[in-house]
Amino acid sequence: MIWWNGEKPSLERLTKLGSSSMPAHLGIEFHDCGDDWISARMPVDHRTHQPFGRLHGGASVALAETIGSMAGAMVVDPDRFACVGMEINANHLRPVRDGWVYATARPEALGRSTHVWSIRIVDELDKLACISRLTLAVIPLERK
């Protein structure tokens, strides 16, 4: 298990952490968690559409960065370190017009100073809509 202190993160707590910022505005909810992965969902609606009625690529990237950053934060000692995004890329593969999309983050590398996370976003039929890679900096709190 990769999670700090060997305990799976509280999904309710993770959703609540974003309650006054972008994740809440986009309707992101943490959904499920395993030993080395975490998932969240986001509605595809007026908040996350681009002007042509499809899921906005920026909303997908915001979902990917939210879930990857929160996952990184749940791996490190929260009294000593914070995780912040350094770089993210995304390939938008399939349009989604409505319903929900589900993102699952898995670590590719968990180093002392950087993490790399892969995030897959699928639609309700489990079809791949976006794949993303996020690099996080692990920084000591005294540098934050």
N, C-alpha and C. Protein backbone atom coordinates (compact mmCIF):
# COMPACT_ATOMS: atom_id res chain seq x y z
N MET A 1 0.84 -1.18 0.00
CA MET A 1 0.00 0.00 0.00
C MET A 1 0.90 1.25 0.00
N ILE A 2 0.51 2.23 -0.80
CA ILE A 2 1.35 3.44 -0.96
C ILE A 2 0.96 4.57 -0.03
N TRP A 3 -0.19 4.51 0.61
CA TRP A 3 -0.72 5.64 1.37
C TRP A 3 0.02 5.86 2.68
N TRP A 4 0.14 7.13 3.06
CA TRP A 4 0.84 7.52 4.28
C TRP A 4 0.24 6.79 5.49
N ASN A 5 1.09 6.25 6.32
CA ASN A 5 0.71 5.50 7.52
C ASN A 5 -0.08 4.23 7.22
N GLY A 6 -0.06 3.78 5.97
CA GLY A 6 -0.73 2.53 5.62
C GLY A 6 -2.24 2.56 5.68
N GLU A 7 -2.83 3.76 5.67
CA GLU A 7 -4.28 3.89 5.72
C GLU A 7 -4.80 4.50 4.43
N LYS A 8 -5.85 3.93 3.88
CA LYS A 8 -6.46 4.51 2.69
C LYS A 8 -7.03 5.88 3.05
N PRO A 9 -6.90 6.83 2.13
CA PRO A 9 -7.45 8.18 2.39
C PRO A 9 -8.97 8.16 2.53
N SER A 10 -9.49 9.07 3.32
CA SER A 10 -10.94 9.24 3.45
C SER A 10 -11.45 9.99 2.23
N LEU A 11 -12.32 9.35 1.47
CA LEU A 11 -12.87 9.95 0.26
C LEU A 11 -13.71 11.18 0.60
N GLU A 12 -14.45 11.09 1.68
CA GLU A 12 -15.27 12.23 2.12
C GLU A 12 -14.37 13.42 2.47
N ARG A 13 -13.27 13.16 3.16
CA ARG A 13 -12.34 14.23 3.53
C ARG A 13 -11.72 14.87 2.29
N LEU A 14 -11.33 14.04 1.31
CA LEU A 14 -10.73 14.59 0.10
C LEU A 14 -11.71 15.47 -0.67
N THR A 15 -12.96 15.02 -0.78
CA THR A 15 -13.98 15.84 -1.45
C THR A 15 -14.18 17.14 -0.70
N LYS A 16 -14.22 17.06 0.63
CA LYS A 16 -14.45 18.25 1.46
C LYS A 16 -13.29 19.24 1.35
N LEU A 17 -12.05 18.75 1.18
CA LEU A 17 -10.90 19.64 1.05
C LEU A 17 -11.05 20.62 -0.12
N GLY A 18 -11.74 20.19 -1.17
CA GLY A 18 -11.94 21.05 -2.33
C GLY A 18 -13.25 21.81 -2.32
N SER A 19 -13.93 21.83 -1.18
CA SER A 19 -15.29 22.38 -1.13
C SER A 19 -15.37 23.89 -1.34
N SER A 20 -14.27 24.59 -1.22
CA SER A 20 -14.32 26.04 -1.43
C SER A 20 -13.38 26.47 -2.55
N SER A 21 -13.11 25.56 -3.48
CA SER A 21 -12.19 25.89 -4.58
C SER A 21 -12.67 25.22 -5.86
N MET A 22 -11.83 25.19 -6.87
CA MET A 22 -12.22 24.71 -8.20
C MET A 22 -12.88 23.33 -8.19
N PRO A 23 -12.39 22.34 -7.44
CA PRO A 23 -13.06 21.04 -7.48
C PRO A 23 -14.56 21.12 -7.17
N ALA A 24 -14.95 21.93 -6.20
CA ALA A 24 -16.37 22.07 -5.88
C ALA A 24 -17.12 22.75 -7.03
N HIS A 25 -16.52 23.77 -7.62
CA HIS A 25 -17.17 24.47 -8.73
C HIS A 25 -17.44 23.52 -9.89
N LEU A 26 -16.51 22.60 -10.13
CA LEU A 26 -16.66 21.64 -11.23
C LEU A 26 -17.45 20.40 -10.84
N GLY A 27 -17.79 20.27 -9.55
CA GLY A 27 -18.57 19.12 -9.09
C GLY A 27 -17.76 17.85 -8.89
N ILE A 28 -16.46 17.97 -8.68
CA ILE A 28 -15.59 16.80 -8.51
C ILE A 28 -15.84 16.16 -7.15
N GLU A 29 -16.01 14.85 -7.18
CA GLU A 29 -16.22 14.05 -5.96
C GLU A 29 -15.27 12.87 -5.98
N PHE A 30 -14.58 12.64 -4.86
CA PHE A 30 -13.75 11.45 -4.77
C PHE A 30 -14.66 10.25 -4.61
N HIS A 31 -14.33 9.18 -5.32
CA HIS A 31 -15.28 8.11 -5.57
C HIS A 31 -14.86 6.75 -4.98
N ASP A 32 -13.59 6.37 -5.11
CA ASP A 32 -13.14 5.05 -4.68
C ASP A 32 -11.63 5.08 -4.49
N CYS A 33 -11.11 4.06 -3.82
CA CYS A 33 -9.68 4.03 -3.51
C CYS A 33 -9.24 2.58 -3.33
N GLY A 34 -8.03 2.28 -3.80
CA GLY A 34 -7.44 0.96 -3.59
C GLY A 34 -6.08 1.11 -2.95
N ASP A 35 -5.31 0.04 -2.95
CA ASP A 35 -3.99 0.07 -2.33
C ASP A 35 -3.02 1.01 -3.03
N ASP A 36 -3.17 1.18 -4.34
CA ASP A 36 -2.23 2.03 -5.09
C ASP A 36 -2.92 2.89 -6.15
N TRP A 37 -4.17 3.19 -5.95
CA TRP A 37 -4.92 4.03 -6.89
C TRP A 37 -6.04 4.75 -6.14
N ILE A 38 -6.52 5.82 -6.79
CA ILE A 38 -7.65 6.57 -6.25
C ILE A 38 -8.48 7.06 -7.43
N SER A 39 -9.79 7.18 -7.24
CA SER A 39 -10.62 7.66 -8.35
C SER A 39 -11.57 8.75 -7.86
N ALA A 40 -11.96 9.58 -8.82
CA ALA A 40 -12.91 10.66 -8.58
C ALA A 40 -13.81 10.75 -9.80
N ARG A 41 -14.92 11.43 -9.64
CA ARG A 41 -15.81 11.62 -10.78
C ARG A 41 -16.16 13.10 -10.90
N MET A 42 -16.57 13.47 -12.11
CA MET A 42 -16.95 14.85 -12.40
C MET A 42 -18.13 14.82 -13.36
N PRO A 43 -19.14 15.66 -13.11
CA PRO A 43 -20.27 15.70 -14.04
C PRO A 43 -19.88 16.37 -15.36
N VAL A 44 -20.51 15.92 -16.41
CA VAL A 44 -20.37 16.59 -17.71
C VAL A 44 -21.68 17.34 -17.91
N ASP A 45 -21.62 18.64 -17.62
CA ASP A 45 -22.81 19.49 -17.68
C ASP A 45 -22.39 20.91 -18.01
N HIS A 46 -23.26 21.88 -17.77
CA HIS A 46 -23.00 23.27 -18.14
C HIS A 46 -21.71 23.80 -17.51
N ARG A 47 -21.31 23.27 -16.36
CA ARG A 47 -20.08 23.74 -15.70
C ARG A 47 -18.82 23.25 -16.39
N THR A 48 -18.90 22.11 -17.05
CA THR A 48 -17.71 21.48 -17.61
C THR A 48 -17.73 21.38 -19.13
N HIS A 49 -18.76 21.93 -19.76
CA HIS A 49 -18.85 21.93 -21.23
C HIS A 49 -17.99 23.04 -21.84
N GLN A 50 -17.54 22.80 -23.06
CA GLN A 50 -17.04 23.89 -23.90
C GLN A 50 -18.24 24.42 -24.68
N PRO A 51 -18.08 25.50 -25.42
CA PRO A 51 -19.24 26.13 -26.08
C PRO A 51 -20.01 25.23 -27.05
N PHE A 52 -19.42 24.12 -27.48
CA PHE A 52 -20.07 23.25 -28.46
C PHE A 52 -20.73 22.03 -27.82
N GLY A 53 -20.90 22.06 -26.49
CA GLY A 53 -21.65 21.03 -25.80
C GLY A 53 -20.89 19.76 -25.46
N ARG A 54 -19.59 19.81 -25.58
CA ARG A 54 -18.76 18.65 -25.23
C ARG A 54 -17.95 18.97 -23.98
N LEU A 55 -17.43 17.93 -23.34
CA LEU A 55 -16.56 18.11 -22.19
C LEU A 55 -15.37 18.97 -22.58
N HIS A 56 -15.14 20.03 -21.84
CA HIS A 56 -14.03 20.96 -22.08
C HIS A 56 -12.72 20.28 -21.71
N GLY A 57 -11.72 20.38 -22.58
CA GLY A 57 -10.41 19.79 -22.29
C GLY A 57 -9.81 20.34 -21.02
N GLY A 58 -10.03 21.62 -20.76
CA GLY A 58 -9.52 22.22 -19.53
C GLY A 58 -10.16 21.63 -18.28
N ALA A 59 -11.43 21.25 -18.38
CA ALA A 59 -12.10 20.60 -17.25
C ALA A 59 -11.49 19.23 -17.00
N SER A 60 -11.18 18.50 -18.08
CA SER A 60 -10.51 17.20 -17.92
C SER A 60 -9.16 17.36 -17.26
N VAL A 61 -8.41 18.39 -17.66
CA VAL A 61 -7.10 18.63 -17.07
C VAL A 61 -7.24 19.04 -15.60
N ALA A 62 -8.25 19.84 -15.29
CA ALA A 62 -8.49 20.22 -13.89
C ALA A 62 -8.82 18.99 -13.05
N LEU A 63 -9.62 18.07 -13.59
CA LEU A 63 -9.93 16.82 -12.90
C LEU A 63 -8.65 16.01 -12.69
N ALA A 64 -7.84 15.88 -13.74
CA ALA A 64 -6.60 15.10 -13.64
C ALA A 64 -5.65 15.71 -12.61
N GLU A 65 -5.48 17.02 -12.64
CA GLU A 65 -4.57 17.65 -11.68
C GLU A 65 -5.12 17.56 -10.26
N THR A 66 -6.42 17.69 -10.10
CA THR A 66 -7.02 17.58 -8.77
C THR A 66 -6.77 16.20 -8.18
N ILE A 67 -7.10 15.17 -8.92
CA ILE A 67 -6.97 13.82 -8.37
C ILE A 67 -5.50 13.43 -8.18
N GLY A 68 -4.64 13.81 -9.13
CA GLY A 68 -3.22 13.48 -9.00
C GLY A 68 -2.55 14.21 -7.86
N SER A 69 -2.86 15.48 -7.70
CA SER A 69 -2.26 16.27 -6.60
C SER A 69 -2.73 15.77 -5.25
N MET A 70 -4.01 15.47 -5.14
CA MET A 70 -4.53 14.96 -3.87
C MET A 70 -3.95 13.58 -3.57
N ALA A 71 -3.80 12.76 -4.59
CA ALA A 71 -3.20 11.44 -4.38
C ALA A 71 -1.76 11.60 -3.88
N GLY A 72 -1.00 12.48 -4.51
CA GLY A 72 0.37 12.72 -4.07
C GLY A 72 0.43 13.18 -2.63
N ALA A 73 -0.49 14.05 -2.25
CA ALA A 73 -0.52 14.56 -0.88
C ALA A 73 -0.83 13.46 0.13
N MET A 74 -1.53 12.40 -0.31
CA MET A 74 -1.88 11.31 0.59
C MET A 74 -0.78 10.27 0.73
N VAL A 75 0.30 10.43 -0.03
CA VAL A 75 1.42 9.49 0.02
C VAL A 75 2.53 9.99 0.95
N VAL A 76 2.65 11.30 1.09
CA VAL A 76 3.75 11.88 1.88
C VAL A 76 3.30 12.22 3.30
N ASP A 77 4.27 12.43 4.17
CA ASP A 77 4.01 12.85 5.55
C ASP A 77 3.46 14.27 5.51
N PRO A 78 2.18 14.49 5.85
CA PRO A 78 1.57 15.81 5.73
C PRO A 78 2.14 16.85 6.71
N ASP A 79 2.83 16.39 7.73
CA ASP A 79 3.46 17.32 8.68
C ASP A 79 4.79 17.84 8.17
N ARG A 80 5.33 17.20 7.12
CA ARG A 80 6.65 17.59 6.63
C ARG A 80 6.68 18.03 5.18
N PHE A 81 5.71 17.59 4.36
CA PHE A 81 5.79 17.81 2.93
C PHE A 81 4.45 18.24 2.32
N ALA A 82 4.54 18.92 1.21
CA ALA A 82 3.38 19.25 0.37
C ALA A 82 3.73 18.81 -1.06
N CYS A 83 2.72 18.53 -1.85
CA CYS A 83 2.92 18.18 -3.26
C CYS A 83 2.27 19.26 -4.12
N VAL A 84 3.03 19.74 -5.09
CA VAL A 84 2.51 20.76 -6.00
C VAL A 84 2.80 20.35 -7.45
N GLY A 85 1.91 20.73 -8.34
CA GLY A 85 2.07 20.38 -9.74
C GLY A 85 3.25 21.09 -10.38
N MET A 86 4.03 20.35 -11.16
CA MET A 86 5.14 20.90 -11.94
C MET A 86 4.81 20.92 -13.44
N GLU A 87 4.16 19.84 -13.89
CA GLU A 87 3.87 19.71 -15.31
C GLU A 87 2.71 18.73 -15.47
N ILE A 88 1.85 19.02 -16.43
CA ILE A 88 0.76 18.10 -16.76
C ILE A 88 0.59 18.10 -18.27
N ASN A 89 0.28 16.93 -18.80
CA ASN A 89 -0.09 16.86 -20.21
C ASN A 89 -1.33 15.99 -20.32
N ALA A 90 -2.04 16.15 -21.41
CA ALA A 90 -3.28 15.40 -21.59
C ALA A 90 -3.51 15.15 -23.07
N ASN A 91 -4.01 13.97 -23.37
CA ASN A 91 -4.48 13.63 -24.70
C ASN A 91 -5.98 13.42 -24.59
N HIS A 92 -6.74 14.24 -25.30
CA HIS A 92 -8.19 14.15 -25.31
C HIS A 92 -8.57 13.24 -26.47
N LEU A 93 -9.17 12.09 -26.16
CA LEU A 93 -9.34 11.03 -27.15
C LEU A 93 -10.76 10.84 -27.65
N ARG A 94 -11.75 11.18 -26.82
CA ARG A 94 -13.13 10.94 -27.21
C ARG A 94 -14.00 12.02 -26.58
N PRO A 95 -14.95 12.55 -27.34
CA PRO A 95 -15.85 13.55 -26.74
C PRO A 95 -16.84 12.91 -25.80
N VAL A 96 -17.21 13.66 -24.78
CA VAL A 96 -18.27 13.24 -23.85
C VAL A 96 -19.23 14.41 -23.78
N ARG A 97 -20.52 14.14 -23.93
CA ARG A 97 -21.52 15.21 -23.97
C ARG A 97 -22.30 15.37 -22.68
N ASP A 98 -22.49 14.30 -21.92
CA ASP A 98 -23.27 14.38 -20.70
C ASP A 98 -22.94 13.22 -19.78
N GLY A 99 -23.56 13.21 -18.62
CA GLY A 99 -23.32 12.13 -17.66
C GLY A 99 -22.16 12.46 -16.72
N TRP A 100 -21.33 11.47 -16.47
CA TRP A 100 -20.18 11.61 -15.58
C TRP A 100 -18.93 11.08 -16.28
N VAL A 101 -17.80 11.63 -15.91
CA VAL A 101 -16.52 11.02 -16.27
C VAL A 101 -15.84 10.61 -14.97
N TYR A 102 -15.07 9.53 -15.05
CA TYR A 102 -14.40 8.95 -13.90
C TYR A 102 -12.89 8.95 -14.15
N ALA A 103 -12.15 9.50 -13.22
CA ALA A 103 -10.70 9.58 -13.33
C ALA A 103 -10.07 8.64 -12.31
N THR A 104 -9.06 7.91 -12.74
CA THR A 104 -8.30 7.05 -11.84
C THR A 104 -6.83 7.41 -11.95
N ALA A 105 -6.23 7.71 -10.80
CA ALA A 105 -4.82 8.07 -10.73
C ALA A 105 -4.03 6.91 -10.14
N ARG A 106 -2.91 6.61 -10.80
CA ARG A 106 -1.98 5.58 -10.33
C ARG A 106 -0.56 6.14 -10.43
N PRO A 107 0.28 5.84 -9.45
CA PRO A 107 1.64 6.35 -9.52
C PRO A 107 2.49 5.59 -10.52
N GLU A 108 3.32 6.32 -11.23
CA GLU A 108 4.34 5.72 -12.09
C GLU A 108 5.68 5.71 -11.37
N ALA A 109 5.92 6.78 -10.58
CA ALA A 109 7.16 6.90 -9.81
C ALA A 109 6.87 7.75 -8.58
N LEU A 110 7.31 7.28 -7.43
CA LEU A 110 7.14 8.00 -6.18
C LEU A 110 8.51 8.23 -5.56
N GLY A 111 9.16 9.30 -5.99
CA GLY A 111 10.49 9.62 -5.48
C GLY A 111 10.43 10.54 -4.28
N ARG A 112 11.61 10.85 -3.74
CA ARG A 112 11.68 11.75 -2.57
C ARG A 112 11.31 13.18 -2.93
N SER A 113 11.65 13.62 -4.15
CA SER A 113 11.40 15.01 -4.52
C SER A 113 10.42 15.19 -5.67
N THR A 114 10.10 14.11 -6.39
CA THR A 114 9.11 14.19 -7.46
C THR A 114 8.27 12.92 -7.51
N HIS A 115 7.03 13.09 -7.93
CA HIS A 115 6.12 11.99 -8.22
C HIS A 115 5.68 12.14 -9.67
N VAL A 116 5.40 11.03 -10.31
CA VAL A 116 4.76 11.03 -11.62
C VAL A 116 3.53 10.14 -11.51
N TRP A 117 2.38 10.70 -11.87
CA TRP A 117 1.10 10.01 -11.80
C TRP A 117 0.48 9.92 -13.19
N SER A 118 -0.11 8.78 -13.51
CA SER A 118 -0.92 8.62 -14.72
C SER A 118 -2.38 8.69 -14.32
N ILE A 119 -3.14 9.43 -15.09
CA ILE A 119 -4.57 9.58 -14.81
C ILE A 119 -5.35 9.22 -16.08
N ARG A 120 -6.23 8.25 -15.94
CA ARG A 120 -7.11 7.84 -17.05
C ARG A 120 -8.52 8.35 -16.74
N ILE A 121 -9.13 9.01 -17.71
CA ILE A 121 -10.50 9.51 -17.56
C ILE A 121 -11.37 8.76 -18.56
N VAL A 122 -12.41 8.11 -18.03
CA VAL A 122 -13.32 7.33 -18.87
C VAL A 122 -14.74 7.86 -18.72
N ASP A 123 -15.57 7.55 -19.72
CA ASP A 123 -16.98 7.92 -19.64
C ASP A 123 -17.76 6.83 -18.90
N GLU A 124 -19.07 6.95 -18.87
CA GLU A 124 -19.90 6.00 -18.13
C GLU A 124 -19.92 4.61 -18.77
N LEU A 125 -19.49 4.51 -20.02
CA LEU A 125 -19.39 3.21 -20.70
C LEU A 125 -17.97 2.65 -20.61
N ASP A 126 -17.14 3.27 -19.78
CA ASP A 126 -15.74 2.87 -19.57
C ASP A 126 -14.88 3.06 -20.83
N LYS A 127 -15.30 3.98 -21.69
CA LYS A 127 -14.50 4.31 -22.88
C LYS A 127 -13.54 5.44 -22.52
N LEU A 128 -12.30 5.29 -22.94
CA LEU A 128 -11.26 6.25 -22.61
C LEU A 128 -11.53 7.59 -23.30
N ALA A 129 -11.67 8.64 -22.50
CA ALA A 129 -11.91 9.99 -23.02
C ALA A 129 -10.65 10.83 -22.98
N CYS A 130 -9.79 10.60 -21.98
CA CYS A 130 -8.58 11.42 -21.82
C CYS A 130 -7.56 10.61 -21.02
N ILE A 131 -6.31 10.76 -21.39
CA ILE A 131 -5.23 10.18 -20.59
C ILE A 131 -4.24 11.30 -20.30
N SER A 132 -3.79 11.35 -19.06
CA SER A 132 -2.96 12.46 -18.62
C SER A 132 -1.79 11.94 -17.80
N ARG A 133 -0.72 12.73 -17.78
CA ARG A 133 0.42 12.45 -16.91
C ARG A 133 0.75 13.71 -16.15
N LEU A 134 0.90 13.57 -14.84
CA LEU A 134 1.14 14.70 -13.95
C LEU A 134 2.44 14.48 -13.20
N THR A 135 3.30 15.49 -13.21
CA THR A 135 4.52 15.47 -12.41
C THR A 135 4.34 16.43 -11.25
N LEU A 136 4.60 15.93 -10.04
CA LEU A 136 4.47 16.72 -8.82
C LEU A 136 5.84 16.94 -8.20
N ALA A 137 6.03 18.11 -7.62
CA ALA A 137 7.19 18.37 -6.78
C ALA A 137 6.79 18.08 -5.35
N VAL A 138 7.62 17.35 -4.64
CA VAL A 138 7.42 17.11 -3.21
C VAL A 138 8.33 18.09 -2.49
N ILE A 139 7.71 19.06 -1.82
CA ILE A 139 8.51 20.11 -1.20
C ILE A 139 8.36 20.11 0.33
N PRO A 140 9.45 20.35 1.02
CA PRO A 140 9.36 20.47 2.48
C PRO A 140 8.47 21.66 2.85
N LEU A 141 7.68 21.52 3.89
CA LEU A 141 6.76 22.58 4.30
C LEU A 141 7.47 23.87 4.62
N GLU A 142 8.69 23.83 5.11
CA GLU A 142 9.39 25.08 5.42
C GLU A 142 9.73 25.86 4.16
N ARG A 143 9.68 25.24 2.97
CA ARG A 143 9.93 25.94 1.71
C ARG A 143 8.64 26.42 1.07
N LYS A 144 7.53 25.96 1.53
CA LYS A 144 6.22 26.26 0.95
C LYS A 144 5.94 27.72 1.10
